[in-house]
């Protein structure tokens, strides 16, 4: 069986270092290219299996993930648990200079189906938790009951801390330390390192 550790996960994705503005609005020096993570499902299967086993005791009746990678993962987890699958879609406002400005919305056809259901919300990678926060807020707005947040890789603690404060269990296959800064406190900004605005789980 493939190892389910940080090194094994990072072998499945491309990464680079620099100075990046993440979707949440935070800054970091590490960027992961997750576009090909699910291209070969067998490679990621041990991580998916481990996360599904961790989520199962929470007795969910549905799994929801943000497009793109989170939705792919949610479908695999839902299949493993034999429960319903949902996804949210990213909506970017004109002004995204603040923190957590991006919204994630359910497709219209899903909105009337989620009320009173126990949900797992999942994403491939969580750092600040922007995509999962948006999904959590959208589900709650339509009467759903998210009870557990999961990710294959949790980077740092801001995202996990948010969900713990909301009373959700947090399940991760792998956890790694991660440098994440508010723009006002970013040492790379202070050093004059050019900033790149990239799409990354946050």
C-alpha atoms as a PDB file:
ATOM      1  CA  UNK A   1       0.000   0.000   0.000  1.00  0.00           C
ATOM      2  CA  UNK A   2       1.201   3.536  -0.789  1.00  0.00           C
ATOM      3  CA  UNK A   3       2.395   5.554   2.206  1.00  0.00           C
ATOM      4  CA  UNK A   4      -0.066   8.227   3.301  1.00  0.00           C
ATOM      5  CA  UNK A   5       2.407  10.780   4.591  1.00  0.00           C
ATOM      6  CA  UNK A   6       3.356  14.318   3.620  1.00  0.00           C
ATOM      7  CA  UNK A   7       6.244  13.286   1.390  1.00  0.00           C
ATOM      8  CA  UNK A   8       4.060  10.805  -0.504  1.00  0.00           C
ATOM      9  CA  UNK A   9       1.330  13.414  -0.989  1.00  0.00           C
ATOM     10  CA  UNK A  10       3.721  16.123  -2.149  1.00  0.00           C
ATOM     11  CA  UNK A  11       5.171  13.659  -4.681  1.00  0.00           C
ATOM     12  CA  UNK A  12       1.736  13.710  -6.365  1.00  0.00           C
ATOM     13  CA  UNK A  13       1.667  17.478  -6.919  1.00  0.00           C
ATOM     14  CA  UNK A  14       3.937  20.162  -8.314  1.00  0.00           C
ATOM     15  CA  UNK A  15       5.096  22.883  -5.959  1.00  0.00           C
ATOM     16  CA  UNK A  16       7.158  26.002  -6.119  1.00  0.00           C
ATOM     17  CA  UNK A  17       8.411  28.647  -3.759  1.00  0.00           C
ATOM     18  CA  UNK A  18       8.077  32.387  -4.087  1.00  0.00           C
ATOM     19  CA  UNK A  19       5.654  35.008  -2.757  1.00  0.00           C
ATOM     20  CA  UNK A  20       2.010  34.164  -3.345  1.00  0.00           C
ATOM     21  CA  UNK A  21      -1.373  35.720  -2.561  1.00  0.00           C
ATOM     22  CA  UNK A  22      -3.764  32.888  -1.798  1.00  0.00           C
ATOM     23  CA  UNK A  23      -7.504  32.775  -2.369  1.00  0.00           C
ATOM     24  CA  UNK A  24      -8.160  33.650   1.272  1.00  0.00           C
ATOM     25  CA  UNK A  25      -6.134  36.860   0.893  1.00  0.00           C
ATOM     26  CA  UNK A  26      -3.254  35.565   3.015  1.00  0.00           C
ATOM     27  CA  UNK A  27       0.323  35.477   1.759  1.00  0.00           C
ATOM     28  CA  UNK A  28       2.642  32.464   1.694  1.00  0.00           C
ATOM     29  CA  UNK A  29       5.945  31.304   0.245  1.00  0.00           C
ATOM     30  CA  UNK A  30       4.678  27.878  -0.942  1.00  0.00           C
ATOM     31  CA  UNK A  31       2.295  27.204  -3.842  1.00  0.00           C
ATOM     32  CA  UNK A  32       0.931  23.763  -4.747  1.00  0.00           C
ATOM     33  CA  UNK A  33      -0.347  22.968  -8.243  1.00  0.00           C
ATOM     34  CA  UNK A  34      -3.244  20.596  -7.534  1.00  0.00           C
ATOM     35  CA  UNK A  35      -4.719  20.456 -11.047  1.00  0.00           C
ATOM     36  CA  UNK A  36      -3.392  16.954 -11.776  1.00  0.00           C
ATOM     37  CA  UNK A  37      -3.950  15.460  -8.317  1.00  0.00           C
ATOM     38  CA  UNK A  38      -6.966  13.393  -9.407  1.00  0.00           C
ATOM     39  CA  UNK A  39      -5.759  12.654 -12.950  1.00  0.00           C
ATOM     40  CA  UNK A  40      -4.754   9.116 -11.910  1.00  0.00           C
ATOM     41  CA  UNK A  41      -7.265   8.013  -9.230  1.00  0.00           C
ATOM     42  CA  UNK A  42      -5.226   4.973  -8.178  1.00  0.00           C
ATOM     43  CA  UNK A  43      -2.385   7.206  -6.992  1.00  0.00           C
ATOM     44  CA  UNK A  44      -4.628   9.124  -4.634  1.00  0.00           C
ATOM     45  CA  UNK A  45      -6.789   6.166  -3.586  1.00  0.00           C
ATOM     46  CA  UNK A  46      -4.939   5.362  -0.307  1.00  0.00           C
ATOM     47  CA  UNK A  47      -5.401   8.962   0.879  1.00  0.00           C
ATOM     48  CA  UNK A  48      -9.086   8.955  -0.089  1.00  0.00           C
ATOM     49  CA  UNK A  49      -9.640   5.621   1.669  1.00  0.00           C
ATOM     50  CA  UNK A  50      -7.988   6.880   4.855  1.00  0.00           C
ATOM     51  CA  UNK A  51     -10.080  10.061   4.897  1.00  0.00           C
ATOM     52  CA  UNK A  52     -13.309   8.153   4.195  1.00  0.00           C
ATOM     53  CA  UNK A  53     -12.618   5.861   7.156  1.00  0.00           C
ATOM     54  CA  UNK A  54     -12.015   8.878   9.399  1.00  0.00           C
ATOM     55  CA  UNK A  55     -15.276  10.532   8.308  1.00  0.00           C
ATOM     56  CA  UNK A  56     -17.471   7.412   8.537  1.00  0.00           C
ATOM     57  CA  UNK A  57     -17.968   7.480  12.344  1.00  0.00           C
ATOM     58  CA  UNK A  58     -19.563  10.924  12.063  1.00  0.00           C
ATOM     59  CA  UNK A  59     -22.674   9.396  10.482  1.00  0.00           C
ATOM     60  CA  UNK A  60     -23.052  11.827   7.585  1.00  0.00           C
ATOM     61  CA  UNK A  61     -25.712  11.420   4.916  1.00  0.00           C
ATOM     62  CA  UNK A  62     -23.958  13.606   2.334  1.00  0.00           C
ATOM     63  CA  UNK A  63     -20.540  14.943   1.343  1.00  0.00           C
ATOM     64  CA  UNK A  64     -19.930  18.347  -0.239  1.00  0.00           C
ATOM     65  CA  UNK A  65     -16.766  19.858  -1.681  1.00  0.00           C
ATOM     66  CA  UNK A  66     -15.847  23.082  -3.452  1.00  0.00           C
ATOM     67  CA  UNK A  67     -15.060  23.003  -7.141  1.00  0.00           C
ATOM     68  CA  UNK A  68     -12.662  21.832  -8.387  1.00  0.00           C
ATOM     69  CA  UNK A  69     -10.501  19.500  -6.334  1.00  0.00           C
ATOM     70  CA  UNK A  70     -12.782  19.436  -3.328  1.00  0.00           C
ATOM     71  CA  UNK A  71     -15.692  18.352  -5.492  1.00  0.00           C
ATOM     72  CA  UNK A  72     -13.663  15.515  -7.020  1.00  0.00           C
ATOM     73  CA  UNK A  73     -12.699  14.381  -3.537  1.00  0.00           C
ATOM     74  CA  UNK A  74     -16.271  14.727  -2.250  1.00  0.00           C
ATOM     75  CA  UNK A  75     -17.550  12.462  -5.002  1.00  0.00           C
ATOM     76  CA  UNK A  76     -14.977   9.790  -4.147  1.00  0.00           C
ATOM     77  CA  UNK A  77     -15.725  10.023  -0.417  1.00  0.00           C
ATOM     78  CA  UNK A  78     -19.484   9.918  -1.036  1.00  0.00           C
ATOM     79  CA  UNK A  79     -19.037   6.793  -3.160  1.00  0.00           C
ATOM     80  CA  UNK A  80     -16.925   5.127  -0.464  1.00  0.00           C
ATOM     81  CA  UNK A  81     -19.521   5.913   2.223  1.00  0.00           C
ATOM     82  CA  UNK A  82     -22.557   5.245   0.000  1.00  0.00           C
ATOM     83  CA  UNK A  83     -24.049   8.687   0.688  1.00  0.00           C
ATOM     84  CA  UNK A  84     -25.132  11.611  -1.481  1.00  0.00           C
ATOM     85  CA  UNK A  85     -22.670  13.924  -3.239  1.00  0.00           C
ATOM     86  CA  UNK A  86     -22.919  17.711  -3.530  1.00  0.00           C
ATOM     87  CA  UNK A  87     -20.617  20.497  -4.635  1.00  0.00           C
ATOM     88  CA  UNK A  88     -20.305  24.268  -4.453  1.00  0.00           C
ATOM     89  CA  UNK A  89     -19.105  26.630  -7.165  1.00  0.00           C
ATOM     90  CA  UNK A  90     -16.727  29.549  -6.746  1.00  0.00           C
ATOM     91  CA  UNK A  91     -18.080  33.090  -7.182  1.00  0.00           C
ATOM     92  CA  UNK A  92     -15.467  35.847  -7.187  1.00  0.00           C
ATOM     93  CA  UNK A  93     -16.595  39.394  -6.358  1.00  0.00           C
ATOM     94  CA  UNK A  94     -15.155  42.389  -8.175  1.00  0.00           C
ATOM     95  CA  UNK A  95     -13.208  43.442  -5.081  1.00  0.00           C
ATOM     96  CA  UNK A  96     -11.180  40.633  -3.507  1.00  0.00           C
ATOM     97  CA  UNK A  97      -8.632  42.734  -1.611  1.00  0.00           C
ATOM     98  CA  UNK A  98      -9.887  41.655   1.825  1.00  0.00           C
ATOM     99  CA  UNK A  99      -9.728  38.268   3.517  1.00  0.00           C
ATOM    100  CA  UNK A 100     -12.171  35.483   2.573  1.00  0.00           C
ATOM    101  CA  UNK A 101     -13.817  37.537  -0.183  1.00  0.00           C
ATOM    102  CA  UNK A 102     -14.550  34.587  -2.485  1.00  0.00           C
ATOM    103  CA  UNK A 103     -17.955  32.900  -2.074  1.00  0.00           C
ATOM    104  CA  UNK A 104     -18.934  29.288  -2.787  1.00  0.00           C
ATOM    105  CA  UNK A 105     -22.551  28.644  -3.770  1.00  0.00           C
ATOM    106  CA  UNK A 106     -24.632  25.522  -4.266  1.00  0.00           C
ATOM    107  CA  UNK A 107     -26.132  25.008  -7.734  1.00  0.00           C
ATOM    108  CA  UNK A 108     -29.810  25.964  -7.730  1.00  0.00           C
ATOM    109  CA  UNK A 109     -30.972  22.351  -8.041  1.00  0.00           C
ATOM    110  CA  UNK A 110     -29.176  21.430  -4.789  1.00  0.00           C
ATOM    111  CA  UNK A 111     -30.459  24.215  -2.542  1.00  0.00           C
ATOM    112  CA  UNK A 112     -33.766  22.566  -1.651  1.00  0.00           C
ATOM    113  CA  UNK A 113     -32.162  19.156  -1.009  1.00  0.00           C
ATOM    114  CA  UNK A 114     -29.653  19.916   1.745  1.00  0.00           C
ATOM    115  CA  UNK A 115     -31.890  21.014   4.626  1.00  0.00           C
ATOM    116  CA  UNK A 116     -31.462  18.983   7.843  1.00  0.00           C
ATOM    117  CA  UNK A 117     -28.843  16.676   6.298  1.00  0.00           C
ATOM    118  CA  UNK A 118     -25.649  15.855   8.202  1.00  0.00           C
ATOM    119  CA  UNK A 119     -22.761  16.848   5.952  1.00  0.00           C
ATOM    120  CA  UNK A 120     -19.065  16.217   5.667  1.00  0.00           C
ATOM    121  CA  UNK A 121     -17.327  19.056   3.850  1.00  0.00           C
ATOM    122  CA  UNK A 122     -14.024  18.154   2.207  1.00  0.00           C
ATOM    123  CA  UNK A 123     -11.232  19.676   0.159  1.00  0.00           C
ATOM    124  CA  UNK A 124      -8.003  18.267  -1.231  1.00  0.00           C
ATOM    125  CA  UNK A 125      -5.830  20.722   0.722  1.00  0.00           C
ATOM    126  CA  UNK A 126      -6.790  23.185   3.466  1.00  0.00           C
ATOM    127  CA  UNK A 127      -4.631  26.006   4.750  1.00  0.00           C
ATOM    128  CA  UNK A 128      -6.637  29.097   5.754  1.00  0.00           C
ATOM    129  CA  UNK A 129      -9.776  27.224   4.705  1.00  0.00           C
ATOM    130  CA  UNK A 130     -11.296  29.776   2.314  1.00  0.00           C
ATOM    131  CA  UNK A 131     -13.068  27.286   0.023  1.00  0.00           C
ATOM    132  CA  UNK A 132     -14.308  25.106   2.875  1.00  0.00           C
ATOM    133  CA  UNK A 133     -15.439  28.146   4.876  1.00  0.00           C
ATOM    134  CA  UNK A 134     -17.453  29.319   1.887  1.00  0.00           C
ATOM    135  CA  UNK A 135     -18.969  25.857   1.470  1.00  0.00           C
ATOM    136  CA  UNK A 136     -19.753  25.634   5.196  1.00  0.00           C
ATOM    137  CA  UNK A 137     -21.511  29.010   5.192  1.00  0.00           C
ATOM    138  CA  UNK A 138     -23.528  28.150   2.073  1.00  0.00           C
ATOM    139  CA  UNK A 139     -24.712  24.834   3.486  1.00  0.00           C
ATOM    140  CA  UNK A 140     -25.679  26.422   6.796  1.00  0.00           C
ATOM    141  CA  UNK A 141     -27.577  29.155   4.942  1.00  0.00           C
ATOM    142  CA  UNK A 142     -29.765  26.465   3.365  1.00  0.00           C
ATOM    143  CA  UNK A 143     -30.471  24.556   6.571  1.00  0.00           C
ATOM    144  CA  UNK A 144     -27.821  21.837   6.336  1.00  0.00           C
ATOM    145  CA  UNK A 145     -25.859  20.555   9.339  1.00  0.00           C
ATOM    146  CA  UNK A 146     -22.124  20.291   8.558  1.00  0.00           C
ATOM    147  CA  UNK A 147     -20.565  18.143  11.297  1.00  0.00           C
ATOM    148  CA  UNK A 148     -17.066  17.341  10.014  1.00  0.00           C
ATOM    149  CA  UNK A 149     -14.479  19.052   7.815  1.00  0.00           C
ATOM    150  CA  UNK A 150     -11.860  16.920   6.093  1.00  0.00           C
ATOM    151  CA  UNK A 151      -8.841  17.281   3.838  1.00  0.00           C
ATOM    152  CA  UNK A 152      -6.139  15.067   2.425  1.00  0.00           C
ATOM    153  CA  UNK A 153      -3.553  17.612   3.576  1.00  0.00           C
ATOM    154  CA  UNK A 154      -3.987  20.311   6.213  1.00  0.00           C
ATOM    155  CA  UNK A 155      -1.326  23.017   6.041  1.00  0.00           C
ATOM    156  CA  UNK A 156      -0.905  25.005   9.242  1.00  0.00           C
ATOM    157  CA  UNK A 157      -3.733  25.645  11.682  1.00  0.00           C
ATOM    158  CA  UNK A 158      -5.915  28.658  10.661  1.00  0.00           C
ATOM    159  CA  UNK A 159      -8.469  26.648   8.694  1.00  0.00           C
ATOM    160  CA  UNK A 160      -8.633  23.784  11.171  1.00  0.00           C
ATOM    161  CA  UNK A 161      -8.906  26.217  14.079  1.00  0.00           C
ATOM    162  CA  UNK A 162     -11.876  27.962  12.445  1.00  0.00           C
ATOM    163  CA  UNK A 163     -13.835  24.726  12.084  1.00  0.00           C
ATOM    164  CA  UNK A 164     -12.973  23.575  15.583  1.00  0.00           C
ATOM    165  CA  UNK A 165     -14.368  26.883  16.870  1.00  0.00           C
ATOM    166  CA  UNK A 166     -17.573  26.183  14.907  1.00  0.00           C
ATOM    167  CA  UNK A 167     -17.926  22.820  16.650  1.00  0.00           C
ATOM    168  CA  UNK A 168     -16.930  20.697  13.647  1.00  0.00           C
ATOM    169  CA  UNK A 169     -14.571  17.770  13.908  1.00  0.00           C
ATOM    170  CA  UNK A 170     -11.540  18.164  11.634  1.00  0.00           C
ATOM    171  CA  UNK A 171     -10.109  15.094   9.902  1.00  0.00           C
ATOM    172  CA  UNK A 172      -6.854  15.126   7.934  1.00  0.00           C
ATOM    173  CA  UNK A 173      -4.811  12.368   6.362  1.00  0.00           C
ATOM    174  CA  UNK A 174      -1.661  14.486   6.664  1.00  0.00           C
ATOM    175  CA  UNK A 175      -0.864  17.646   8.626  1.00  0.00           C
ATOM    176  CA  UNK A 176       2.124  19.881   7.920  1.00  0.00           C
ATOM    177  CA  UNK A 177       3.444  23.151   9.291  1.00  0.00           C
ATOM    178  CA  UNK A 178       2.884  26.076   6.921  1.00  0.00           C
ATOM    179  CA  UNK A 179       3.892  29.737   6.809  1.00  0.00           C
ATOM    180  CA  UNK A 180       0.798  31.874   6.286  1.00  0.00           C
ATOM    181  CA  UNK A 181       0.698  35.635   6.863  1.00  0.00           C
ATOM    182  CA  UNK A 182      -1.741  38.499   6.838  1.00  0.00           C
ATOM    183  CA  UNK A 183      -0.709  40.990   4.136  1.00  0.00           C
ATOM    184  CA  UNK A 184       0.097  43.575   6.818  1.00  0.00           C
ATOM    185  CA  UNK A 185       2.509  41.186   8.527  1.00  0.00           C
ATOM    186  CA  UNK A 186       4.080  39.453   5.537  1.00  0.00           C
ATOM    187  CA  UNK A 187       7.900  39.375   5.799  1.00  0.00           C
ATOM    188  CA  UNK A 188       8.213  38.827   2.049  1.00  0.00           C
ATOM    189  CA  UNK A 189       6.315  42.064   1.396  1.00  0.00           C
ATOM    190  CA  UNK A 190       8.616  43.819   3.857  1.00  0.00           C
ATOM    191  CA  UNK A 191      11.613  42.438   1.982  1.00  0.00           C
ATOM    192  CA  UNK A 192      10.289  43.663  -1.374  1.00  0.00           C
ATOM    193  CA  UNK A 193       9.790  40.187  -2.882  1.00  0.00           C
ATOM    194  CA  UNK A 194       7.369  40.499  -5.850  1.00  0.00           C
ATOM    195  CA  UNK A 195       3.889  39.092  -5.164  1.00  0.00           C
ATOM    196  CA  UNK A 196       2.093  36.572  -7.378  1.00  0.00           C
ATOM    197  CA  UNK A 197      -1.682  36.146  -7.223  1.00  0.00           C
ATOM    198  CA  UNK A 198      -2.410  32.448  -7.729  1.00  0.00           C
ATOM    199  CA  UNK A 199      -5.331  30.046  -7.421  1.00  0.00           C
ATOM    200  CA  UNK A 200      -4.582  27.690  -4.520  1.00  0.00           C
ATOM    201  CA  UNK A 201      -6.644  25.985  -1.839  1.00  0.00           C
ATOM    202  CA  UNK A 202      -6.792  28.337   1.067  1.00  0.00           C
END
